[in-house]
Amino acid sequence: IRIFNSWVDAFFVGLGIDGEYLCSKSGRPFNDAYRYVDWVLTVPLLLIELVLVMGLSRRESIRLSCQLGVASAIMVAAGYPGEVQDELSTRWKWWALAMVPFIFVVITLVVSLGIATTQQPFQVVPLVQSARYLTVASWLAYPFVYLVKNTGVAGARATTYEQIGYSVADVIAKCVFGILIWAIAMEKTKMEE
């Protein structure tokens, strides 16, 4: 709710004389830190949740959970300094730095968890594949949304594109992913009964 309040406080919205809505900056900056704090907590947990629901060996679960959790937290933390920069070269440097753990996580999701998926009961293989590929697909939106300001789009338009892009990606990456994790867990529970 704090991110929403930050958004609301950053703008004055009202009705103009002609009956059209007017929007102007309030002077209080919108704080993207709320989104990044959310991501630094939830992104590693979502990846760990996928590993755990797969029911891999204890050793493999710990290894993959640590690798994915740490890499994704570093990825988010590396992205934030660039997000709040106006200097284009600085934004590109932080984007490139954040892409290193991003690529590691995506490769791990596709390759390492791909091998582990083949060891899953056949009833859950399509669900696990969907969760893995949904994560990769939704994650691909984030680096491109981050680049909106790097392409010359500025001001309210850039902020709007970013917030819509990040929000849509978040809904897919969290809500839809959560439903898939629940479906995998339910299917595995049915098989155990």
C-alpha atoms as a PDB file:
ATOM      1  CA  ILE A   1       0.000   0.000   0.000  1.00  0.00           C
ATOM      2  CA  ARG A   2       2.974   2.316   0.574  1.00  0.00           C
ATOM      3  CA  ILE A   3       3.879   2.207  -3.118  1.00  0.00           C
ATOM      4  CA  PHE A   4       0.325   3.241  -3.966  1.00  0.00           C
ATOM      5  CA  ASN A   5       0.423   6.076  -1.427  1.00  0.00           C
ATOM      6  CA  SER A   6       3.754   7.244  -2.831  1.00  0.00           C
ATOM      7  CA  TRP A   7       2.188   7.347  -6.292  1.00  0.00           C
ATOM      8  CA  VAL A   8      -0.875   9.252  -5.059  1.00  0.00           C
ATOM      9  CA  ASP A   9       1.223  11.741  -3.075  1.00  0.00           C
ATOM     10  CA  ALA A  10       3.493  12.480  -6.053  1.00  0.00           C
ATOM     11  CA  PHE A  11       0.669  14.013  -8.125  1.00  0.00           C
ATOM     12  CA  PHE A  12      -2.277  16.369  -7.877  1.00  0.00           C
ATOM     13  CA  VAL A  13      -5.246  15.153  -9.873  1.00  0.00           C
ATOM     14  CA  GLY A  14      -8.308  17.307 -10.293  1.00  0.00           C
ATOM     15  CA  LEU A  15     -11.024  18.448 -12.633  1.00  0.00           C
ATOM     16  CA  GLY A  16     -10.257  21.417 -14.845  1.00  0.00           C
ATOM     17  CA  ILE A  17     -12.670  24.187 -15.783  1.00  0.00           C
ATOM     18  CA  ASP A  18     -13.517  22.407 -19.033  1.00  0.00           C
ATOM     19  CA  GLY A  19     -14.393  19.189 -17.167  1.00  0.00           C
ATOM     20  CA  GLU A  20     -11.245  17.325 -18.171  1.00  0.00           C
ATOM     21  CA  TYR A  21      -8.895  15.805 -15.632  1.00  0.00           C
ATOM     22  CA  LEU A  22      -5.642  17.617 -14.983  1.00  0.00           C
ATOM     23  CA  CYS A  23      -2.584  16.006 -13.507  1.00  0.00           C
ATOM     24  CA  SER A  24       0.430  17.832 -12.138  1.00  0.00           C
ATOM     25  CA  LYS A  25       3.396  16.943  -9.977  1.00  0.00           C
ATOM     26  CA  SER A  26       2.975  17.685  -6.284  1.00  0.00           C
ATOM     27  CA  GLY A  27       6.684  18.185  -5.713  1.00  0.00           C
ATOM     28  CA  ARG A  28       6.941  14.984  -3.692  1.00  0.00           C
ATOM     29  CA  PRO A  29       8.870  12.404  -5.708  1.00  0.00           C
ATOM     30  CA  PHE A  30       7.483   8.967  -6.466  1.00  0.00           C
ATOM     31  CA  ASN A  31       9.565   6.453  -4.525  1.00  0.00           C
ATOM     32  CA  ASP A  32      10.519   3.376  -6.551  1.00  0.00           C
ATOM     33  CA  ALA A  33      12.338   1.978  -3.519  1.00  0.00           C
ATOM     34  CA  TYR A  34       9.104   0.379  -2.311  1.00  0.00           C
ATOM     35  CA  ARG A  35       8.902  -1.747  -5.437  1.00  0.00           C
ATOM     36  CA  TYR A  36      12.553  -2.785  -5.152  1.00  0.00           C
ATOM     37  CA  VAL A  37      12.220  -3.682  -1.457  1.00  0.00           C
ATOM     38  CA  ASP A  38       9.236  -5.829  -2.391  1.00  0.00           C
ATOM     39  CA  TRP A  39      11.209  -7.506  -5.170  1.00  0.00           C
ATOM     40  CA  VAL A  40      14.325  -8.155  -3.087  1.00  0.00           C
ATOM     41  CA  LEU A  41      12.122 -10.116  -0.679  1.00  0.00           C
ATOM     42  CA  THR A  42       9.590 -11.786  -2.958  1.00  0.00           C
ATOM     43  CA  VAL A  43      11.683 -12.721  -5.997  1.00  0.00           C
ATOM     44  CA  PRO A  44      14.073 -15.021  -4.099  1.00  0.00           C
ATOM     45  CA  LEU A  45      11.149 -16.516  -2.165  1.00  0.00           C
ATOM     46  CA  LEU A  46       9.195 -17.271  -5.345  1.00  0.00           C
ATOM     47  CA  LEU A  47      12.173 -19.037  -6.884  1.00  0.00           C
ATOM     48  CA  ILE A  48      12.823 -20.993  -3.694  1.00  0.00           C
ATOM     49  CA  GLU A  49       9.144 -21.939  -3.605  1.00  0.00           C
ATOM     50  CA  LEU A  50       9.438 -23.430  -7.101  1.00  0.00           C
ATOM     51  CA  VAL A  51      12.485 -25.447  -6.066  1.00  0.00           C
ATOM     52  CA  LEU A  52      10.783 -26.704  -2.902  1.00  0.00           C
ATOM     53  CA  VAL A  53       7.519 -27.695  -4.567  1.00  0.00           C
ATOM     54  CA  MET A  54       9.500 -29.832  -7.001  1.00  0.00           C
ATOM     55  CA  GLY A  55      10.477 -32.141  -4.130  1.00  0.00           C
ATOM     56  CA  LEU A  56      14.104 -32.546  -5.152  1.00  0.00           C
ATOM     57  CA  SER A  57      16.676 -34.139  -2.868  1.00  0.00           C
ATOM     58  CA  ARG A  58      17.522 -32.125   0.218  1.00  0.00           C
ATOM     59  CA  ARG A  59      21.013 -31.400  -1.087  1.00  0.00           C
ATOM     60  CA  GLU A  60      19.804 -30.304  -4.532  1.00  0.00           C
ATOM     61  CA  SER A  61      17.004 -28.197  -3.019  1.00  0.00           C
ATOM     62  CA  ILE A  62      19.427 -26.366  -0.746  1.00  0.00           C
ATOM     63  CA  ARG A  63      21.935 -25.837  -3.568  1.00  0.00           C
ATOM     64  CA  LEU A  64      19.385 -24.482  -6.052  1.00  0.00           C
ATOM     65  CA  SER A  65      17.535 -22.431  -3.426  1.00  0.00           C
ATOM     66  CA  CYS A  66      20.749 -20.740  -2.310  1.00  0.00           C
ATOM     67  CA  GLN A  67      21.963 -20.109  -5.855  1.00  0.00           C
ATOM     68  CA  LEU A  68      18.648 -18.765  -7.136  1.00  0.00           C
ATOM     69  CA  GLY A  69      17.849 -16.831  -3.955  1.00  0.00           C
ATOM     70  CA  VAL A  70      21.196 -15.068  -3.734  1.00  0.00           C
ATOM     71  CA  ALA A  71      21.487 -14.407  -7.479  1.00  0.00           C
ATOM     72  CA  SER A  72      17.985 -12.940  -7.706  1.00  0.00           C
ATOM     73  CA  ALA A  73      18.519 -10.714  -4.652  1.00  0.00           C
ATOM     74  CA  ILE A  74      21.778  -9.415  -6.164  1.00  0.00           C
ATOM     75  CA  MET A  75      19.979  -8.842  -9.466  1.00  0.00           C
ATOM     76  CA  VAL A  76      17.289  -6.690  -7.837  1.00  0.00           C
ATOM     77  CA  ALA A  77      19.770  -4.824  -5.624  1.00  0.00           C
ATOM     78  CA  ALA A  78      21.978  -4.072  -8.646  1.00  0.00           C
ATOM     79  CA  GLY A  79      19.021  -2.736 -10.621  1.00  0.00           C
ATOM     80  CA  TYR A  80      17.877  -0.155  -8.086  1.00  0.00           C
ATOM     81  CA  PRO A  81      20.800   2.311  -8.266  1.00  0.00           C
ATOM     82  CA  GLY A  82      20.322   2.587 -12.023  1.00  0.00           C
ATOM     83  CA  GLU A  83      16.567   2.966 -11.703  1.00  0.00           C
ATOM     84  CA  VAL A  84      16.914   6.173  -9.732  1.00  0.00           C
ATOM     85  CA  GLN A  85      19.580   7.695 -12.008  1.00  0.00           C
ATOM     86  CA  ASP A  86      18.929  10.252 -14.713  1.00  0.00           C
ATOM     87  CA  GLU A  87      22.403   9.895 -16.229  1.00  0.00           C
ATOM     88  CA  LEU A  88      22.010   7.495 -19.161  1.00  0.00           C
ATOM     89  CA  SER A  89      25.487   5.929 -19.001  1.00  0.00           C
ATOM     90  CA  THR A  90      25.019   5.181 -15.298  1.00  0.00           C
ATOM     91  CA  ARG A  91      21.641   3.576 -15.986  1.00  0.00           C
ATOM     92  CA  TRP A  92      23.233   1.355 -18.665  1.00  0.00           C
ATOM     93  CA  LYS A  93      26.046   0.282 -16.315  1.00  0.00           C
ATOM     94  CA  TRP A  94      23.640  -0.790 -13.552  1.00  0.00           C
ATOM     95  CA  TRP A  95      21.377  -2.495 -16.090  1.00  0.00           C
ATOM     96  CA  ALA A  96      24.314  -4.495 -17.454  1.00  0.00           C
ATOM     97  CA  LEU A  97      25.444  -5.408 -13.934  1.00  0.00           C
ATOM     98  CA  ALA A  98      21.939  -6.601 -12.997  1.00  0.00           C
ATOM     99  CA  MET A  99      21.737  -8.649 -16.201  1.00  0.00           C
ATOM    100  CA  VAL A 100      24.587 -10.947 -15.084  1.00  0.00           C
ATOM    101  CA  PRO A 101      22.621 -12.599 -12.240  1.00  0.00           C
ATOM    102  CA  PHE A 102      19.449 -12.288 -14.339  1.00  0.00           C
ATOM    103  CA  ILE A 103      20.968 -14.430 -17.081  1.00  0.00           C
ATOM    104  CA  PHE A 104      22.256 -16.919 -14.492  1.00  0.00           C
ATOM    105  CA  VAL A 105      18.763 -17.291 -12.981  1.00  0.00           C
ATOM    106  CA  VAL A 106      17.090 -17.681 -16.379  1.00  0.00           C
ATOM    107  CA  ILE A 107      19.622 -20.307 -17.486  1.00  0.00           C
ATOM    108  CA  THR A 108      19.171 -22.161 -14.193  1.00  0.00           C
ATOM    109  CA  LEU A 109      15.385 -22.111 -14.614  1.00  0.00           C
ATOM    110  CA  VAL A 110      15.606 -23.417 -18.156  1.00  0.00           C
ATOM    111  CA  VAL A 111      18.501 -25.891 -17.874  1.00  0.00           C
ATOM    112  CA  SER A 112      18.973 -27.106 -14.289  1.00  0.00           C
ATOM    113  CA  LEU A 113      15.301 -27.081 -13.389  1.00  0.00           C
ATOM    114  CA  GLY A 114      14.570 -28.460 -16.853  1.00  0.00           C
ATOM    115  CA  ILE A 115      16.548 -31.584 -15.995  1.00  0.00           C
ATOM    116  CA  ALA A 116      14.833 -31.780 -12.596  1.00  0.00           C
ATOM    117  CA  THR A 117      11.430 -31.433 -14.289  1.00  0.00           C
ATOM    118  CA  THR A 118      11.986 -34.674 -16.161  1.00  0.00           C
ATOM    119  CA  GLN A 119      12.245 -36.410 -12.776  1.00  0.00           C
ATOM    120  CA  GLN A 120       8.804 -35.168 -11.686  1.00  0.00           C
ATOM    121  CA  PRO A 121       5.702 -37.377 -11.734  1.00  0.00           C
ATOM    122  CA  PHE A 122       4.152 -37.137 -15.195  1.00  0.00           C
ATOM    123  CA  GLN A 123       0.964 -35.586 -13.771  1.00  0.00           C
ATOM    124  CA  VAL A 124       2.807 -32.438 -12.661  1.00  0.00           C
ATOM    125  CA  VAL A 125       5.357 -32.094 -15.461  1.00  0.00           C
ATOM    126  CA  PRO A 126       3.134 -29.722 -17.513  1.00  0.00           C
ATOM    127  CA  LEU A 127       2.474 -27.576 -14.429  1.00  0.00           C
ATOM    128  CA  VAL A 128       6.160 -27.395 -13.485  1.00  0.00           C
ATOM    129  CA  GLN A 129       7.091 -26.562 -17.073  1.00  0.00           C
ATOM    130  CA  SER A 130       4.430 -23.855 -17.134  1.00  0.00           C
ATOM    131  CA  ALA A 131       5.727 -22.354 -13.871  1.00  0.00           C
ATOM    132  CA  ARG A 132       9.313 -22.335 -15.150  1.00  0.00           C
ATOM    133  CA  TYR A 133       8.496 -20.865 -18.541  1.00  0.00           C
ATOM    134  CA  LEU A 134       5.991 -18.377 -17.139  1.00  0.00           C
ATOM    135  CA  THR A 135       8.709 -17.118 -14.813  1.00  0.00           C
ATOM    136  CA  VAL A 136      11.174 -16.755 -17.676  1.00  0.00           C
ATOM    137  CA  ALA A 137       8.608 -15.106 -19.967  1.00  0.00           C
ATOM    138  CA  SER A 138       7.363 -12.639 -17.349  1.00  0.00           C
ATOM    139  CA  TRP A 139      10.918 -11.883 -16.258  1.00  0.00           C
ATOM    140  CA  LEU A 140      11.875 -10.928 -19.799  1.00  0.00           C
ATOM    141  CA  ALA A 141       9.573  -7.920 -19.468  1.00  0.00           C
ATOM    142  CA  TYR A 142      11.551  -6.386 -16.575  1.00  0.00           C
ATOM    143  CA  PRO A 143      14.830  -5.569 -18.395  1.00  0.00           C
ATOM    144  CA  PHE A 144      12.890  -4.017 -21.267  1.00  0.00           C
ATOM    145  CA  VAL A 145      10.661  -1.951 -18.982  1.00  0.00           C
ATOM    146  CA  TYR A 146      13.815  -0.798 -17.156  1.00  0.00           C
ATOM    147  CA  LEU A 147      15.148   0.433 -20.509  1.00  0.00           C
ATOM    148  CA  VAL A 148      12.166   2.724 -21.202  1.00  0.00           C
ATOM    149  CA  LYS A 149      14.046   5.745 -19.854  1.00  0.00           C
ATOM    150  CA  ASN A 150      17.179   4.678 -21.742  1.00  0.00           C
ATOM    151  CA  THR A 151      15.387   5.066 -25.080  1.00  0.00           C
ATOM    152  CA  GLY A 152      14.697   8.780 -24.764  1.00  0.00           C
ATOM    153  CA  VAL A 153      11.179   8.510 -23.333  1.00  0.00           C
ATOM    154  CA  ALA A 154      11.005  10.891 -20.383  1.00  0.00           C
ATOM    155  CA  GLY A 155       8.748  12.561 -17.862  1.00  0.00           C
ATOM    156  CA  ALA A 156       5.245  11.395 -17.063  1.00  0.00           C
ATOM    157  CA  ARG A 157       5.108   9.162 -20.140  1.00  0.00           C
ATOM    158  CA  ALA A 158       8.225   7.229 -19.078  1.00  0.00           C
ATOM    159  CA  THR A 159       6.942   6.855 -15.524  1.00  0.00           C
ATOM    160  CA  THR A 160       3.555   5.661 -16.759  1.00  0.00           C
ATOM    161  CA  TYR A 161       5.097   3.106 -19.135  1.00  0.00           C
ATOM    162  CA  GLU A 162       7.373   1.844 -16.375  1.00  0.00           C
ATOM    163  CA  GLN A 163       4.640   1.517 -13.776  1.00  0.00           C
ATOM    164  CA  ILE A 164       2.222  -0.222 -16.139  1.00  0.00           C
ATOM    165  CA  GLY A 165       4.945  -2.535 -17.446  1.00  0.00           C
ATOM    166  CA  TYR A 166       6.211  -3.448 -13.996  1.00  0.00           C
ATOM    167  CA  SER A 167       2.688  -3.913 -12.631  1.00  0.00           C
ATOM    168  CA  VAL A 168       1.599  -6.239 -15.447  1.00  0.00           C
ATOM    169  CA  ALA A 169       4.820  -8.241 -15.119  1.00  0.00           C
ATOM    170  CA  ASP A 170       4.366  -8.415 -11.324  1.00  0.00           C
ATOM    171  CA  VAL A 171       0.826  -9.768 -11.629  1.00  0.00           C
ATOM    172  CA  ILE A 172       1.992 -12.482 -14.006  1.00  0.00           C
ATOM    173  CA  ALA A 173       5.233 -13.238 -12.152  1.00  0.00           C
ATOM    174  CA  LYS A 174       3.567 -13.400  -8.729  1.00  0.00           C
ATOM    175  CA  CYS A 175      -0.154 -14.107  -8.952  1.00  0.00           C
ATOM    176  CA  VAL A 176      -0.253 -16.466 -11.928  1.00  0.00           C
ATOM    177  CA  PHE A 177       2.957 -18.132 -10.744  1.00  0.00           C
ATOM    178  CA  GLY A 178       1.415 -18.572  -7.276  1.00  0.00           C
ATOM    179  CA  ILE A 179      -1.618 -20.300  -8.762  1.00  0.00           C
ATOM    180  CA  LEU A 180       0.656 -22.684 -10.665  1.00  0.00           C
ATOM    181  CA  ILE A 181       2.661 -23.461  -7.507  1.00  0.00           C
ATOM    182  CA  TRP A 182      -0.610 -24.143  -5.669  1.00  0.00           C
ATOM    183  CA  ALA A 183      -1.763 -26.438  -8.524  1.00  0.00           C
ATOM    184  CA  ILE A 184       1.532 -28.379  -8.415  1.00  0.00           C
ATOM    185  CA  ALA A 185       1.271 -28.797  -4.641  1.00  0.00           C
ATOM    186  CA  MET A 186      -2.371 -29.900  -4.874  1.00  0.00           C
ATOM    187  CA  GLU A 187      -1.622 -32.435  -7.607  1.00  0.00           C
ATOM    188  CA  LYS A 188       1.295 -33.863  -5.636  1.00  0.00           C
ATOM    189  CA  THR A 189      -0.880 -34.043  -2.509  1.00  0.00           C
ATOM    190  CA  LYS A 190      -3.562 -35.990  -4.424  1.00  0.00           C
ATOM    191  CA  MET A 191      -0.907 -38.429  -5.635  1.00  0.00           C
ATOM    192  CA  GLU A 192       0.279 -39.048  -2.067  1.00  0.00           C
ATOM    193  CA  GLU A 193      -3.209 -39.886  -0.806  1.00  0.00           C
END
